[in-house]
Structure formats: C-alpha cells, structure tokens
Amino acid sequence: MGTVAFYGPDDQRASKVVAAISPNPTEGISETRKWIGEPDLRDNADVLDEVNEFLKKHDARSIVITAGIFGCPHEEGVDYPEGEVCAQCPFWNGRQRDVPFLG
C-alpha cells in the first residue's frame, strides 16, 4: 500500500509531500520519500510525476492520500525540539489535523 500526505506552513499551500510504502498490514512503513518546494507542490506536475513513479516502482496496489494539507512540514525532534510547537508554522499551533483521507 502507498500513502501520500501533503504538509505546509498553513492549510492553503503544500510545501512538502511525503510518500511511503507499506508492503503489508503488519510490517509497517518500509520506504519513504520526501519532496520539498514552493509555492504549492500539489500544482507541480514534475513532483507529482515523481511521486507516481515512486509508488509504481514499489508496486503500490492501493493508495491512501490526504484530501488537504495534513500539517506543518517541519519535523518534531528534527526541525524543532520534541514536545514543542514549530516556531516557523504558527498556523498549526493547537490545531487538529482533521484531514480526510481518500483512497
């Protein structure tokens, strides 16, 4: 199964796309690839083609994708300290990530 999630500084622009592969329900994620760019990667045909190729390469037979922006593109513990909020994306501070999944 493949998953695709969009992330951005707010709920209007996707500056990051993450695609992942899970070979079966019990194994979890085995492969991940990230794309970062501006202004909105949902409108970038080259990036979307690369996402598609990644999913094809790993023989994803079903795909789950977020219908909107899932949250901040920065990673807790990598881009900012664990347990804190991202100072670069105040829009997401205290917001729920109620984004429906398509698939």
PDB file of N, CA and C in Angstrom:
ATOM      1  N   MET A   1       0.836  -1.165   0.000  1.00  0.00           N
ATOM      2  CA  MET A   1       0.000   0.000   0.000  1.00  0.00           C
ATOM      3  C   MET A   1       0.888   1.238   0.000  1.00  0.00           C
ATOM      4  N   GLY A   2       0.467   2.264  -0.700  1.00  0.00           N
ATOM      5  CA  GLY A   2       1.174   3.531  -0.705  1.00  0.00           C
ATOM      6  C   GLY A   2       0.370   4.591   0.012  1.00  0.00           C
ATOM      7  N   THR A   3       1.064   5.526   0.647  1.00  0.00           N
ATOM      8  CA  THR A   3       0.409   6.678   1.254  1.00  0.00           C
ATOM      9  C   THR A   3       1.066   7.938   0.721  1.00  0.00           C
ATOM     10  N   VAL A   4       0.271   8.980   0.577  1.00  0.00           N
ATOM     11  CA  VAL A   4       0.769  10.281   0.143  1.00  0.00           C
ATOM     12  C   VAL A   4       0.143  11.328   1.043  1.00  0.00           C
ATOM     13  N   ALA A   5       0.979  12.157   1.661  1.00  0.00           N
ATOM     14  CA  ALA A   5       0.486  13.220   2.538  1.00  0.00           C
ATOM     15  C   ALA A   5       1.144  14.539   2.160  1.00  0.00           C
ATOM     16  N   PHE A   6       0.337  15.594   2.196  1.00  0.00           N
ATOM     17  CA  PHE A   6       0.822  16.937   1.904  1.00  0.00           C
ATOM     18  C   PHE A   6       0.935  17.723   3.207  1.00  0.00           C
ATOM     19  N   TYR A   7       1.997  18.510   3.320  1.00  0.00           N
ATOM     20  CA  TYR A   7       2.240  19.333   4.504  1.00  0.00           C
ATOM     21  C   TYR A   7       2.564  20.743   4.052  1.00  0.00           C
ATOM     22  N   GLY A   8       2.254  21.727   4.893  1.00  0.00           N
ATOM     23  CA  GLY A   8       2.558  23.103   4.540  1.00  0.00           C
ATOM     24  C   GLY A   8       2.526  24.019   5.740  1.00  0.00           C
ATOM     25  N   PRO A   9       2.969  25.252   5.551  1.00  0.00           N
ATOM     26  CA  PRO A   9       3.003  26.212   6.655  1.00  0.00           C
ATOM     27  C   PRO A   9       1.603  26.624   7.118  1.00  0.00           C
ATOM     28  N   ASP A  10       0.597  26.387   6.267  1.00  0.00           N
ATOM     29  CA  ASP A  10      -0.798  26.638   6.610  1.00  0.00           C
ATOM     30  C   ASP A  10      -1.647  25.647   5.816  1.00  0.00           C
ATOM     31  N   ASP A  11      -2.952  25.822   5.856  1.00  0.00           N
ATOM     32  CA  ASP A  11      -3.813  24.856   5.168  1.00  0.00           C
ATOM     33  C   ASP A  11      -4.094  25.217   3.709  1.00  0.00           C
ATOM     34  N   GLN A  12      -3.316  26.151   3.158  1.00  0.00           N
ATOM     35  CA  GLN A  12      -3.521  26.582   1.779  1.00  0.00           C
ATOM     36  C   GLN A  12      -2.397  26.190   0.828  1.00  0.00           C
ATOM     37  N   ARG A  13      -1.174  25.967   1.345  1.00  0.00           N
ATOM     38  CA  ARG A  13      -0.016  25.684   0.487  1.00  0.00           C
ATOM     39  C   ARG A  13       0.683  24.413   0.945  1.00  0.00           C
ATOM     40  N   ALA A  14       0.961  23.533   0.006  1.00  0.00           N
ATOM     41  CA  ALA A  14       1.695  22.303   0.300  1.00  0.00           C
ATOM     42  C   ALA A  14       3.150  22.498  -0.108  1.00  0.00           C
ATOM     43  N   SER A  15       4.023  22.659   0.877  1.00  0.00           N
ATOM     44  CA  SER A  15       5.447  22.845   0.594  1.00  0.00           C
ATOM     45  C   SER A  15       6.236  21.545   0.774  1.00  0.00           C
ATOM     46  N   LYS A  16       5.530  20.473   1.166  1.00  0.00           N
ATOM     47  CA  LYS A  16       6.184  19.179   1.365  1.00  0.00           C
ATOM     48  C   LYS A  16       5.190  18.069   1.014  1.00  0.00           C
ATOM     49  N   VAL A  17       5.704  17.056   0.330  1.00  0.00           N
ATOM     50  CA  VAL A  17       4.929  15.855   0.029  1.00  0.00           C
ATOM     51  C   VAL A  17       5.737  14.676   0.548  1.00  0.00           C
ATOM     52  N   VAL A  18       5.065  13.769   1.243  1.00  0.00           N
ATOM     53  CA  VAL A  18       5.722  12.554   1.728  1.00  0.00           C
ATOM     54  C   VAL A  18       4.951  11.353   1.182  1.00  0.00           C
ATOM     55  N   ALA A  19       5.657  10.476   0.503  1.00  0.00           N
ATOM     56  CA  ALA A  19       5.076   9.229   0.015  1.00  0.00           C
ATOM     57  C   ALA A  19       5.754   8.082   0.760  1.00  0.00           C
ATOM     58  N   ALA A  20       4.966   7.087   1.110  1.00  0.00           N
ATOM     59  CA  ALA A  20       5.510   5.953   1.862  1.00  0.00           C
ATOM     60  C   ALA A  20       4.903   4.658   1.337  1.00  0.00           C
ATOM     61  N   ILE A  21       5.628   3.577   1.563  1.00  0.00           N
ATOM     62  CA  ILE A  21       5.204   2.244   1.143  1.00  0.00           C
ATOM     63  C   ILE A  21       5.131   1.329   2.359  1.00  0.00           C
ATOM     64  N   SER A  22       4.045   0.594   2.448  1.00  0.00           N
ATOM     65  CA  SER A  22       3.892  -0.443   3.463  1.00  0.00           C
ATOM     66  C   SER A  22       3.574  -1.739   2.721  1.00  0.00           C
ATOM     67  N   PRO A  23       4.508  -2.699   2.731  1.00  0.00           N
ATOM     68  CA  PRO A  23       4.321  -3.923   1.947  1.00  0.00           C
ATOM     69  C   PRO A  23       3.142  -4.787   2.390  1.00  0.00           C
ATOM     70  N   ASN A  24       2.786  -4.710   3.669  1.00  0.00           N
ATOM     71  CA  ASN A  24       1.641  -5.475   4.163  1.00  0.00           C
ATOM     72  C   ASN A  24       1.148  -4.841   5.465  1.00  0.00           C
ATOM     73  N   PRO A  25      -0.033  -5.227   5.945  1.00  0.00           N
ATOM     74  CA  PRO A  25      -0.619  -4.580   7.119  1.00  0.00           C
ATOM     75  C   PRO A  25       0.185  -4.740   8.412  1.00  0.00           C
ATOM     76  N   THR A  26       1.026  -5.748   8.504  1.00  0.00           N
ATOM     77  CA  THR A  26       1.748  -5.977   9.756  1.00  0.00           C
ATOM     78  C   THR A  26       3.175  -5.445   9.760  1.00  0.00           C
ATOM     79  N   GLU A  27       3.741  -5.179   8.586  1.00  0.00           N
ATOM     80  CA  GLU A  27       5.149  -4.785   8.511  1.00  0.00           C
ATOM     81  C   GLU A  27       5.384  -3.305   8.780  1.00  0.00           C
ATOM     82  N   GLY A  28       4.426  -2.460   8.497  1.00  0.00           N
ATOM     83  CA  GLY A  28       4.625  -1.024   8.662  1.00  0.00           C
ATOM     84  C   GLY A  28       5.318  -0.417   7.452  1.00  0.00           C
ATOM     85  N   ILE A  29       5.829   0.787   7.626  1.00  0.00           N
ATOM     86  CA  ILE A  29       6.457   1.537   6.536  1.00  0.00           C
ATOM     87  C   ILE A  29       7.849   0.979   6.247  1.00  0.00           C
ATOM     88  N   SER A  30       8.110   0.692   4.973  1.00  0.00           N
ATOM     89  CA  SER A  30       9.425   0.168   4.594  1.00  0.00           C
ATOM     90  C   SER A  30      10.231   1.154   3.755  1.00  0.00           C
ATOM     91  N   GLU A  31       9.557   2.042   3.047  1.00  0.00           N
ATOM     92  CA  GLU A  31      10.223   3.032   2.187  1.00  0.00           C
ATOM     93  C   GLU A  31       9.499   4.363   2.320  1.00  0.00           C
ATOM     94  N   THR A  32      10.260   5.445   2.359  1.00  0.00           N
ATOM     95  CA  THR A  32       9.686   6.788   2.420  1.00  0.00           C
ATOM     96  C   THR A  32      10.484   7.710   1.513  1.00  0.00           C
ATOM     97  N   ARG A  33       9.786   8.633   0.876  1.00  0.00           N
ATOM     98  CA  ARG A  33      10.456   9.647   0.067  1.00  0.00           C
ATOM     99  C   ARG A  33       9.764  10.976   0.305  1.00  0.00           C
ATOM    100  N   LYS A  34      10.547  12.056   0.382  1.00  0.00           N
ATOM    101  CA  LYS A  34      10.024  13.400   0.640  1.00  0.00           C
ATOM    102  C   LYS A  34      10.417  14.332  -0.493  1.00  0.00           C
ATOM    103  N   TRP A  35       9.519  15.248  -0.797  1.00  0.00           N
ATOM    104  CA  TRP A  35       9.783  16.323  -1.751  1.00  0.00           C
ATOM    105  C   TRP A  35       9.460  17.633  -1.044  1.00  0.00           C
ATOM    106  N   ILE A  36      10.329  18.617  -1.180  1.00  0.00           N
ATOM    107  CA  ILE A  36      10.127  19.919  -0.549  1.00  0.00           C
ATOM    108  C   ILE A  36      10.280  20.991  -1.612  1.00  0.00           C
ATOM    109  N   GLY A  37       9.387  21.974  -1.608  1.00  0.00           N
ATOM    110  CA  GLY A  37       9.464  23.049  -2.589  1.00  0.00           C
ATOM    111  C   GLY A  37       8.382  24.088  -2.381  1.00  0.00           C
ATOM    112  N   GLU A  38       8.369  25.073  -3.203  1.00  0.00           N
ATOM    113  CA  GLU A  38       7.400  26.173  -3.150  1.00  0.00           C
ATOM    114  C   GLU A  38       6.894  26.438  -4.554  1.00  0.00           C
ATOM    115  N   PRO A  39       5.789  27.072  -4.805  1.00  0.00           N
ATOM    116  CA  PRO A  39       4.860  27.561  -3.795  1.00  0.00           C
ATOM    117  C   PRO A  39       3.889  26.487  -3.309  1.00  0.00           C
ATOM    118  N   ASP A  40       3.373  25.631  -4.191  1.00  0.00           N
ATOM    119  CA  ASP A  40       2.441  24.576  -3.785  1.00  0.00           C
ATOM    120  C   ASP A  40       2.726  23.332  -4.625  1.00  0.00           C
ATOM    121  N   LEU A  41       3.237  22.302  -3.970  1.00  0.00           N
ATOM    122  CA  LEU A  41       3.637  21.096  -4.695  1.00  0.00           C
ATOM    123  C   LEU A  41       2.465  20.329  -5.289  1.00  0.00           C
ATOM    124  N   ARG A  42       1.259  20.607  -4.840  1.00  0.00           N
ATOM    125  CA  ARG A  42       0.090  19.945  -5.437  1.00  0.00           C
ATOM    126  C   ARG A  42      -0.120  20.388  -6.882  1.00  0.00           C
ATOM    127  N   ASP A  43       0.485  21.534  -7.244  1.00  0.00           N
ATOM    128  CA  ASP A  43       0.380  22.060  -8.602  1.00  0.00           C
ATOM    129  C   ASP A  43       1.633  21.816  -9.432  1.00  0.00           C
ATOM    130  N   ASN A  44       2.597  21.078  -8.885  1.00  0.00           N
ATOM    131  CA  ASN A  44       3.871  20.851  -9.563  1.00  0.00           C
ATOM    132  C   ASN A  44       3.844  19.482 -10.257  1.00  0.00           C
ATOM    133  N   ALA A  45       3.629  19.506 -11.565  1.00  0.00           N
ATOM    134  CA  ALA A  45       3.492  18.252 -12.330  1.00  0.00           C
ATOM    135  C   ALA A  45       4.732  17.379 -12.230  1.00  0.00           C
ATOM    136  N   ASP A  46       5.922  17.982 -12.210  1.00  0.00           N
ATOM    137  CA  ASP A  46       7.152  17.185 -12.128  1.00  0.00           C
ATOM    138  C   ASP A  46       7.220  16.418 -10.809  1.00  0.00           C
ATOM    139  N   VAL A  47       6.892  17.082  -9.708  1.00  0.00           N
ATOM    140  CA  VAL A  47       6.909  16.419  -8.400  1.00  0.00           C
ATOM    141  C   VAL A  47       5.844  15.334  -8.344  1.00  0.00           C
ATOM    142  N   LEU A  48       4.659  15.628  -8.820  1.00  0.00           N
ATOM    143  CA  LEU A  48       3.588  14.624  -8.795  1.00  0.00           C
ATOM    144  C   LEU A  48       3.937  13.421  -9.666  1.00  0.00           C
ATOM    145  N   ASP A  49       4.629  13.651 -10.778  1.00  0.00           N
ATOM    146  CA  ASP A  49       5.107  12.535 -11.602  1.00  0.00           C
ATOM    147  C   ASP A  49       6.117  11.688 -10.834  1.00  0.00           C
ATOM    148  N   GLU A  50       7.008  12.338 -10.083  1.00  0.00           N
ATOM    149  CA  GLU A  50       7.987  11.599  -9.275  1.00  0.00           C
ATOM    150  C   GLU A  50       7.308  10.793  -8.178  1.00  0.00           C
ATOM    151  N   VAL A  51       6.284  11.362  -7.555  1.00  0.00           N
ATOM    152  CA  VAL A  51       5.513  10.625  -6.541  1.00  0.00           C
ATOM    153  C   VAL A  51       4.894   9.386  -7.187  1.00  0.00           C
ATOM    154  N   ASN A  52       4.293   9.568  -8.346  1.00  0.00           N
ATOM    155  CA  ASN A  52       3.674   8.455  -9.068  1.00  0.00           C
ATOM    156  C   ASN A  52       4.704   7.375  -9.406  1.00  0.00           C
ATOM    157  N   GLU A  53       5.864   7.783  -9.893  1.00  0.00           N
ATOM    158  CA  GLU A  53       6.928   6.822 -10.225  1.00  0.00           C
ATOM    159  C   GLU A  53       7.407   6.075  -8.983  1.00  0.00           C
ATOM    160  N   PHE A  54       7.535   6.766  -7.859  1.00  0.00           N
ATOM    161  CA  PHE A  54       7.931   6.123  -6.601  1.00  0.00           C
ATOM    162  C   PHE A  54       6.919   5.036  -6.240  1.00  0.00           C
ATOM    163  N   LEU A  55       5.635   5.358  -6.322  1.00  0.00           N
ATOM    164  CA  LEU A  55       4.592   4.388  -5.979  1.00  0.00           C
ATOM    165  C   LEU A  55       4.588   3.209  -6.949  1.00  0.00           C
ATOM    166  N   LYS A  56       4.778   3.480  -8.240  1.00  0.00           N
ATOM    167  CA  LYS A  56       4.852   2.403  -9.234  1.00  0.00           C
ATOM    168  C   LYS A  56       6.068   1.513  -8.993  1.00  0.00           C
ATOM    169  N   LYS A  57       7.212   2.137  -8.725  1.00  0.00           N
ATOM    170  CA  LYS A  57       8.452   1.384  -8.501  1.00  0.00           C
ATOM    171  C   LYS A  57       8.287   0.369  -7.373  1.00  0.00           C
ATOM    172  N   HIS A  58       7.501   0.741  -6.360  1.00  0.00           N
ATOM    173  CA  HIS A  58       7.302  -0.140  -5.213  1.00  0.00           C
ATOM    174  C   HIS A  58       6.010  -0.948  -5.317  1.00  0.00           C
ATOM    175  N   ASP A  59       5.423  -0.957  -6.518  1.00  0.00           N
ATOM    176  CA  ASP A  59       4.262  -1.789  -6.815  1.00  0.00           C
ATOM    177  C   ASP A  59       3.098  -1.550  -5.847  1.00  0.00           C
ATOM    178  N   ALA A  60       2.841  -0.273  -5.534  1.00  0.00           N
ATOM    179  CA  ALA A  60       1.707   0.060  -4.662  1.00  0.00           C
ATOM    180  C   ALA A  60       0.413  -0.284  -5.380  1.00  0.00           C
ATOM    181  N   ARG A  61      -0.358  -1.173  -4.804  1.00  0.00           N
ATOM    182  CA  ARG A  61      -1.602  -1.619  -5.433  1.00  0.00           C
ATOM    183  C   ARG A  61      -2.806  -0.840  -4.939  1.00  0.00           C
ATOM    184  N   SER A  62      -2.666  -0.190  -3.802  1.00  0.00           N
ATOM    185  CA  SER A  62      -3.690   0.731  -3.311  1.00  0.00           C
ATOM    186  C   SER A  62      -2.968   1.926  -2.702  1.00  0.00           C
ATOM    187  N   ILE A  63      -3.630   3.082  -2.753  1.00  0.00           N
ATOM    188  CA  ILE A  63      -3.010   4.322  -2.292  1.00  0.00           C
ATOM    189  C   ILE A  63      -3.997   5.090  -1.436  1.00  0.00           C
ATOM    190  N   VAL A  64      -3.509   5.599  -0.325  1.00  0.00           N
ATOM    191  CA  VAL A  64      -4.280   6.487   0.535  1.00  0.00           C
ATOM    192  C   VAL A  64      -3.598   7.841   0.459  1.00  0.00           C
ATOM    193  N   ILE A  65      -4.398   8.898   0.243  1.00  0.00           N
ATOM    194  CA  ILE A  65      -3.844  10.235   0.080  1.00  0.00           C
ATOM    195  C   ILE A  65      -4.667  11.227   0.898  1.00  0.00           C
ATOM    196  N   THR A  66      -4.008  12.230   1.480  1.00  0.00           N
ATOM    197  CA  THR A  66      -4.741  13.249   2.206  1.00  0.00           C
ATOM    198  C   THR A  66      -5.496  14.123   1.221  1.00  0.00           C
ATOM    199  N   ALA A  67      -6.693  14.529   1.599  1.00  0.00           N
ATOM    200  CA  ALA A  67      -7.509  15.385   0.748  1.00  0.00           C
ATOM    201  C   ALA A  67      -7.116  16.850   0.898  1.00  0.00           C
ATOM    202  N   GLY A  68      -6.267  17.162   1.834  1.00  0.00           N
ATOM    203  CA  GLY A  68      -5.828  18.532   2.062  1.00  0.00           C
ATOM    204  C   GLY A  68      -4.454  18.540   2.685  1.00  0.00           C
ATOM    205  N   ILE A  69      -4.116  19.629   3.320  1.00  0.00           N
ATOM    206  CA  ILE A  69      -2.813  19.758   3.989  1.00  0.00           C
ATOM    207  C   ILE A  69      -2.921  19.097   5.357  1.00  0.00           C
ATOM    208  N   PHE A  70      -2.017  18.176   5.641  1.00  0.00           N
ATOM    209  CA  PHE A  70      -2.080  17.382   6.866  1.00  0.00           C
ATOM    210  C   PHE A  70      -1.492  18.101   8.074  1.00  0.00           C
ATOM    211  N   GLY A  71      -0.572  19.015   7.860  1.00  0.00           N
ATOM    212  CA  GLY A  71       0.027  19.733   8.983  1.00  0.00           C
ATOM    213  C   GLY A  71       1.312  20.415   8.576  1.00  0.00           C
ATOM    214  N   CYS A  72       2.057  20.827   9.569  1.00  0.00           N
ATOM    215  CA  CYS A  72       3.326  21.541   9.411  1.00  0.00           C
ATOM    216  C   CYS A  72       4.348  20.669   8.672  1.00  0.00           C
ATOM    217  N   PRO A  73       5.132  21.261   7.758  1.00  0.00           N
ATOM    218  CA  PRO A  73       6.125  20.470   7.022  1.00  0.00           C
ATOM    219  C   PRO A  73       7.387  20.164   7.829  1.00  0.00           C
ATOM    220  N   HIS A  74       7.530  20.808   8.973  1.00  0.00           N
ATOM    221  CA  HIS A  74       8.733  20.603   9.785  1.00  0.00           C
ATOM    222  C   HIS A  74       8.539  19.416  10.719  1.00  0.00           C
ATOM    223  N   GLU A  75       9.622  18.732  11.035  1.00  0.00           N
ATOM    224  CA  GLU A  75       9.544  17.503  11.815  1.00  0.00           C
ATOM    225  C   GLU A  75       9.969  17.726  13.264  1.00  0.00           C
ATOM    226  N   GLU A  76       9.074  17.330  14.166  1.00  0.00           N
ATOM    227  CA  GLU A  76       9.360  17.417  15.590  1.00  0.00           C
ATOM    228  C   GLU A  76      10.570  16.551  15.908  1.00  0.00           C
ATOM    229  N   GLY A  77      11.496  17.099  16.672  1.00  0.00           N
ATOM    230  CA  GLY A  77      12.706  16.371  17.028  1.00  0.00           C
ATOM    231  C   GLY A  77      13.806  16.492  15.992  1.00  0.00           C
ATOM    232  N   VAL A  78      13.471  17.012  14.813  1.00  0.00           N
ATOM    233  CA  VAL A  78      14.459  17.236  13.751  1.00  0.00           C
ATOM    234  C   VAL A  78      14.612  18.731  13.510  1.00  0.00           C
ATOM    235  N   ASP A  79      13.482  19.387  13.202  1.00  0.00           N
ATOM    236  CA  ASP A  79      13.495  20.815  12.892  1.00  0.00           C
ATOM    237  C   ASP A  79      13.203  21.697  14.111  1.00  0.00           C
ATOM    238  N   TYR A  80      12.595  21.124  15.128  1.00  0.00           N
ATOM    239  CA  TYR A  80      12.330  21.829  16.386  1.00  0.00           C
ATOM    240  C   TYR A  80      12.254  20.786  17.500  1.00  0.00           C
ATOM    241  N   PRO A  81      12.460  21.203  18.763  1.00  0.00           N
ATOM    242  CA  PRO A  81      12.555  20.234  19.868  1.00  0.00           C
ATOM    243  C   PRO A  81      11.270  19.426  20.091  1.00  0.00           C
ATOM    244  N   GLU A  82      11.450  18.177  20.518  1.00  0.00           N
ATOM    245  CA  GLU A  82      10.336  17.293  20.880  1.00  0.00           C
ATOM    246  C   GLU A  82       9.448  17.978  21.910  1.00  0.00           C
ATOM    247  N   GLY A  83       8.142  17.835  21.738  1.00  0.00           N
ATOM    248  CA  GLY A  83       7.187  18.366  22.704  1.00  0.00           C
ATOM    249  C   GLY A  83       6.883  19.841  22.554  1.00  0.00           C
ATOM    250  N   GLU A  84       7.556  20.518  21.649  1.00  0.00           N
ATOM    251  CA  GLU A  84       7.304  21.940  21.426  1.00  0.00           C
ATOM    252  C   GLU A  84       6.546  22.128  20.122  1.00  0.00           C
ATOM    253  N   VAL A  85       6.139  23.373  19.867  1.00  0.00           N
ATOM    254  CA  VAL A  85       5.454  23.668  18.604  1.00  0.00           C
ATOM    255  C   VAL A  85       6.452  24.285  17.643  1.00  0.00           C
ATOM    256  N   CYS A  86       6.171  24.167  16.374  1.00  0.00           N
ATOM    257  CA  CYS A  86       7.050  24.720  15.352  1.00  0.00           C
ATOM    258  C   CYS A  86       6.915  26.245  15.322  1.00  0.00           C
ATOM    259  N   ALA A  87       8.004  26.937  15.572  1.00  0.00           N
ATOM    260  CA  ALA A  87       8.001  28.401  15.558  1.00  0.00           C
ATOM    261  C   ALA A  87       7.830  28.953  14.145  1.00  0.00           C
ATOM    262  N   GLN A  88       8.147  28.146  13.126  1.00  0.00           N
ATOM    263  CA  GLN A  88       8.040  28.603  11.739  1.00  0.00           C
ATOM    264  C   GLN A  88       6.626  28.489  11.175  1.00  0.00           C
ATOM    265  N   CYS A  89       5.770  27.726  11.855  1.00  0.00           N
ATOM    266  CA  CYS A  89       4.412  27.497  11.347  1.00  0.00           C
ATOM    267  C   CYS A  89       3.371  27.744  12.447  1.00  0.00           C
ATOM    268  N   PRO A  90       3.221  28.983  12.889  1.00  0.00           N
ATOM    269  CA  PRO A  90       2.274  29.260  13.975  1.00  0.00           C
ATOM    270  C   PRO A  90       0.829  28.903  13.634  1.00  0.00           C
ATOM    271  N   PHE A  91       0.500  28.832  12.345  1.00  0.00           N
ATOM    272  CA  PHE A  91      -0.857  28.464  11.938  1.00  0.00           C
ATOM    273  C   PHE A  91      -1.293  27.140  12.578  1.00  0.00           C
ATOM    274  N   TRP A  92      -0.384  26.164  12.685  1.00  0.00           N
ATOM    275  CA  TRP A  92      -0.737  24.825  13.160  1.00  0.00           C
ATOM    276  C   TRP A  92      -0.757  24.696  14.680  1.00  0.00           C
ATOM    277  N   ASN A  93      -0.287  25.692  15.396  1.00  0.00           N
ATOM    278  CA  ASN A  93      -0.233  25.626  16.860  1.00  0.00           C
ATOM    279  C   ASN A  93      -1.634  25.427  17.443  1.00  0.00           C
ATOM    280  N   GLY A  94      -1.846  24.284  18.057  1.00  0.00           N
ATOM    281  CA  GLY A  94      -3.110  23.974  18.713  1.00  0.00           C
ATOM    282  C   GLY A  94      -4.224  23.508  17.787  1.00  0.00           C
ATOM    283  N   ARG A  95      -3.967  23.369  16.503  1.00  0.00           N
ATOM    284  CA  ARG A  95      -4.995  22.923  15.559  1.00  0.00           C
ATOM    285  C   ARG A  95      -5.012  21.408  15.438  1.00  0.00           C
ATOM    286  N   GLN A  96      -6.203  20.872  15.286  1.00  0.00           N
ATOM    287  CA  GLN A  96      -6.359  19.456  14.997  1.00  0.00           C
ATOM    288  C   GLN A  96      -6.044  19.229  13.529  1.00  0.00           C
ATOM    289  N   ARG A  97      -5.574  18.054  13.220  1.00  0.00           N
ATOM    290  CA  ARG A  97      -5.285  17.698  11.827  1.00  0.00           C
ATOM    291  C   ARG A  97      -6.408  16.827  11.286  1.00  0.00           C
ATOM    292  N   ASP A  98      -7.581  17.425  11.204  1.00  0.00           N
ATOM    293  CA  ASP A  98      -8.762  16.700  10.726  1.00  0.00           C
ATOM    294  C   ASP A  98      -8.847  16.762   9.213  1.00  0.00           C
ATOM    295  N   VAL A  99      -7.979  16.008   8.568  1.00  0.00           N
ATOM    296  CA  VAL A  99      -7.950  15.967   7.110  1.00  0.00           C
ATOM    297  C   VAL A  99      -8.459  14.599   6.682  1.00  0.00           C
ATOM    298  N   PRO A 100      -9.488  14.569   5.837  1.00  0.00           N
ATOM    299  CA  PRO A 100      -9.965  13.266   5.370  1.00  0.00           C
ATOM    300  C   PRO A 100      -8.940  12.599   4.450  1.00  0.00           C
ATOM    301  N   PHE A 101      -8.994  11.296   4.447  1.00  0.00           N
ATOM    302  CA  PHE A 101      -8.125  10.519   3.559  1.00  0.00           C
ATOM    303  C   PHE A 101      -8.947  10.005   2.396  1.00  0.00           C
ATOM    304  N   LEU A 102      -8.364  10.020   1.220  1.00  0.00           N
ATOM    305  CA  LEU A 102      -9.001   9.481   0.026  1.00  0.00           C
ATOM    306  C   LEU A 102      -8.335   8.168  -0.312  1.00  0.00           C
ATOM    307  N   GLY A 103      -9.040   7.239  -0.824  1.00  0.00           N
ATOM    308  CA  GLY A 103      -8.392   6.005  -1.217  1.00  0.00           C
ATOM    309  C   GLY A 103      -9.278   4.887  -1.047  1.00  0.00           C
TER     310      GLY A 103
END
